[in-house]
Protein backbone atom coordinates (compact mmCIF):
# COMPACT_ATOMS: atom_id res chain seq x y z
CA MET A 1 -0.01 0.30 -0.05
CA GLU A 2 1.31 3.47 -1.01
CA ALA A 3 0.48 6.96 1.04
CA ALA A 4 0.25 9.97 -1.12
CA TYR A 5 1.01 12.88 0.76
CA ARG A 6 0.49 15.22 -2.63
CA LYS A 7 -0.08 18.63 -1.93
CA ASP A 8 -3.69 18.14 -3.47
CA ASN A 9 -4.49 15.26 -1.33
CA ILE A 10 -3.47 17.37 2.25
CA ALA A 11 -5.32 20.16 0.71
CA ASP A 12 -8.48 17.93 0.02
CA THR A 13 -8.17 16.21 3.35
CA LEU A 14 -8.24 20.08 5.33
CA ASP A 15 -11.26 21.06 3.10
CA LEU A 16 -12.97 17.76 4.03
CA LEU A 17 -11.88 18.37 7.93
CA SER A 18 -12.89 22.18 7.52
CA ARG A 19 -16.60 20.58 6.10
CA ALA A 20 -16.86 18.56 8.96
CA GLY A 21 -16.31 21.54 11.66
CA LEU A 22 -13.14 20.06 12.69
CA VAL A 23 -10.82 22.35 11.58
CA VAL A 24 -10.70 26.48 10.08
CA GLU A 25 -9.03 28.08 7.99
CA THR A 26 -8.00 31.17 10.28
CA THR A 27 -5.62 32.53 6.80
CA MET A 28 -4.85 32.69 3.63
CA THR A 29 -1.54 34.36 1.81
CA THR A 30 -2.11 36.58 -0.99
CA THR A 31 -0.74 33.73 -3.50
CA GLY A 32 -3.75 31.74 -3.01
CA ASN A 33 -2.09 28.86 -2.39
CA GLN A 34 -1.24 28.50 1.46
CA ARG A 35 -3.58 28.48 3.76
CA VAL A 36 -3.46 27.78 7.53
CA PHE A 37 -5.73 25.71 9.56
CA ARG A 38 -6.56 25.16 13.47
CA LEU A 39 -8.64 22.66 15.49
CA ASP A 40 -11.95 24.89 15.74
CA GLN A 41 -12.32 24.63 19.84
CA ALA A 42 -15.83 25.84 19.60
CA SER A 43 -16.73 23.11 17.67
CA GLU A 44 -19.45 20.89 19.41
CA LEU A 45 -17.58 17.66 17.49
CA VAL A 46 -14.25 18.73 18.77
CA LYS A 47 -14.86 19.04 22.06
CA ALA A 48 -16.88 15.73 21.70
CA LEU A 49 -13.82 13.80 20.34
CA LEU A 50 -11.46 15.80 22.83
CA GLN A 51 -13.35 14.51 25.75
CA TRP A 52 -13.89 11.45 24.15
CA SER A 53 -10.15 10.44 23.55
CA ILE A 54 -9.54 11.25 27.42
CA VAL A 55 -11.30 8.33 28.09
CA PRO A 56 -8.99 5.20 29.36
CA GLN A 57 -9.17 2.08 26.81
CA GLN A 58 -6.45 0.06 26.09
CA ARG A 59 -7.63 -1.08 22.69
CA TRP A 60 -10.24 0.36 20.90
CA ASP A 61 -10.45 -1.58 17.84
CA ALA A 62 -11.29 -4.31 20.46
CA CYS A 63 -13.87 -2.24 21.83
CA PHE A 64 -14.80 -1.85 18.39
CA ARG A 65 -14.94 -5.44 17.11
CA VAL A 66 -17.10 -6.50 20.31
CA ILE A 67 -19.57 -3.23 19.92
CA VAL A 68 -20.06 -4.83 15.72
CA SER A 69 -20.46 -8.33 17.19
CA LEU A 70 -23.01 -7.72 19.86
CA VAL A 71 -24.85 -5.40 17.31
CA GLU A 72 -24.86 -7.88 14.63
CA PHE A 73 -25.78 -10.75 17.36
CA ALA A 74 -28.59 -8.57 18.50
CA SER A 75 -29.94 -8.46 14.86
CA SER A 76 -29.68 -11.95 14.34
CA SER A 77 -30.23 -13.62 17.58
CA VAL A 78 -32.81 -16.66 17.69
CA GLU A 79 -35.55 -15.54 19.87
CA ARG A 80 -35.75 -19.36 21.99
CA ALA A 81 -34.16 -19.39 24.96
CA ALA A 82 -31.95 -22.24 25.11
CA PRO A 83 -30.59 -21.93 21.19
CA ARG A 84 -30.16 -18.03 22.05
CA ALA A 85 -28.19 -19.14 25.34
CA ALA A 86 -25.97 -21.46 23.37
CA ASN A 87 -25.02 -19.02 20.69
CA ILE A 88 -24.06 -16.40 23.64
CA GLN A 89 -21.53 -18.60 24.57
CA GLY A 90 -20.15 -19.16 21.07
CA LEU A 91 -20.37 -15.63 20.92
CA LEU A 92 -18.30 -15.12 24.31
CA ARG A 93 -15.51 -17.73 22.89
CA THR A 94 -14.82 -15.82 19.49
CA LEU A 95 -14.30 -12.69 21.85
CA GLN A 96 -12.53 -13.98 24.29
CA SER A 97 -9.21 -12.20 23.78
CA ASP A 98 -10.83 -8.86 22.68
CA LEU A 99 -12.87 -9.18 26.29
CA ARG A 100 -9.64 -9.75 27.87
CA TRP A 101 -8.18 -6.82 26.28
CA LEU A 102 -10.92 -4.62 27.42
CA GLY A 103 -11.41 -6.13 31.09
CA THR A 104 -14.39 -7.08 30.77
CA PHE A 105 -16.29 -10.81 30.84
CA PRO A 106 -19.92 -11.00 31.95
CA ALA A 107 -20.20 -13.09 34.82
CA LEU A 108 -23.09 -16.03 33.88
CA ARG A 109 -25.26 -17.84 36.25
CA LEU A 110 -26.15 -21.50 35.45
CA GLY A 111 -29.71 -22.04 33.45
CA VAL A 112 -30.46 -20.98 30.38
CA ASP A 113 -32.73 -17.97 31.25
CA ALA A 114 -30.13 -16.83 33.90
CA VAL A 115 -27.50 -17.02 30.97
CA ASN A 116 -29.61 -15.06 28.60
CA GLU A 117 -30.47 -12.15 31.39
CA ASP A 118 -27.20 -12.09 32.24
CA PHE A 119 -25.69 -11.69 28.82
CA ASP A 120 -28.13 -8.76 28.02
CA ASN A 121 -27.26 -6.79 31.49
CA TRP A 122 -24.06 -7.55 30.74
CA ALA A 123 -24.00 -5.86 27.18
CA LEU A 124 -26.34 -2.98 28.02
CA ARG A 125 -23.52 -2.21 31.02
CA ALA A 126 -20.67 -2.17 28.71
CA LEU A 127 -22.16 -0.67 25.80
CA ARG A 128 -23.13 2.27 28.27
CA GLY A 129 -19.91 2.12 29.74
CA TRP A 130 -18.07 2.73 26.29
CA ALA A 131 -20.28 5.41 24.80
CA ARG A 132 -20.26 6.97 28.56
CA ALA A 133 -23.94 7.04 28.62
CA PRO A 134 -25.58 6.88 32.26
CA GLU A 135 -27.49 4.50 33.85
CA PRO A 136 -30.86 4.59 33.31
CA ALA A 137 -33.21 5.73 35.72
CA ASN A 138 -35.67 2.47 35.99
CA GLN A 139 -33.50 -1.04 35.66
CA SER A 140 -36.26 -3.03 35.57
CA GLY A 141 -36.41 -3.06 31.39
CA ALA A 142 -33.07 -3.64 31.13
CA SER A 143 -33.71 -7.61 32.12
CA ARG A 144 -34.92 -10.33 29.43
């Protein structure tokens, strides 16, 4: 793979970042081909990204793989309790390395219904934690 850092590629990237609200153009010289960009500190997006970047996570790649797997599991999961519990065990085996990196692994009680409930509660807590979303006031709807 070759990275092309030509002037036009960098200018295009800075233009895209400017359109996204991450940087602002602060100066254009009289020659017309030299522009100066700075991080837009007033941008809500920049504030959110800076806040997000200080969250202590060892491996965001592992976090994203787990999130994608949880979303895929939720969208394709069977509704019957026993097959779903078996699928949960398989999913956790697949994600074991990433979960170890993230320092989280669900403690599942014995029994089909308990496995489903514990997994759902753990998944919601993990997703809320990575998103830094507050716990809902009423937890009764979190169980399956």
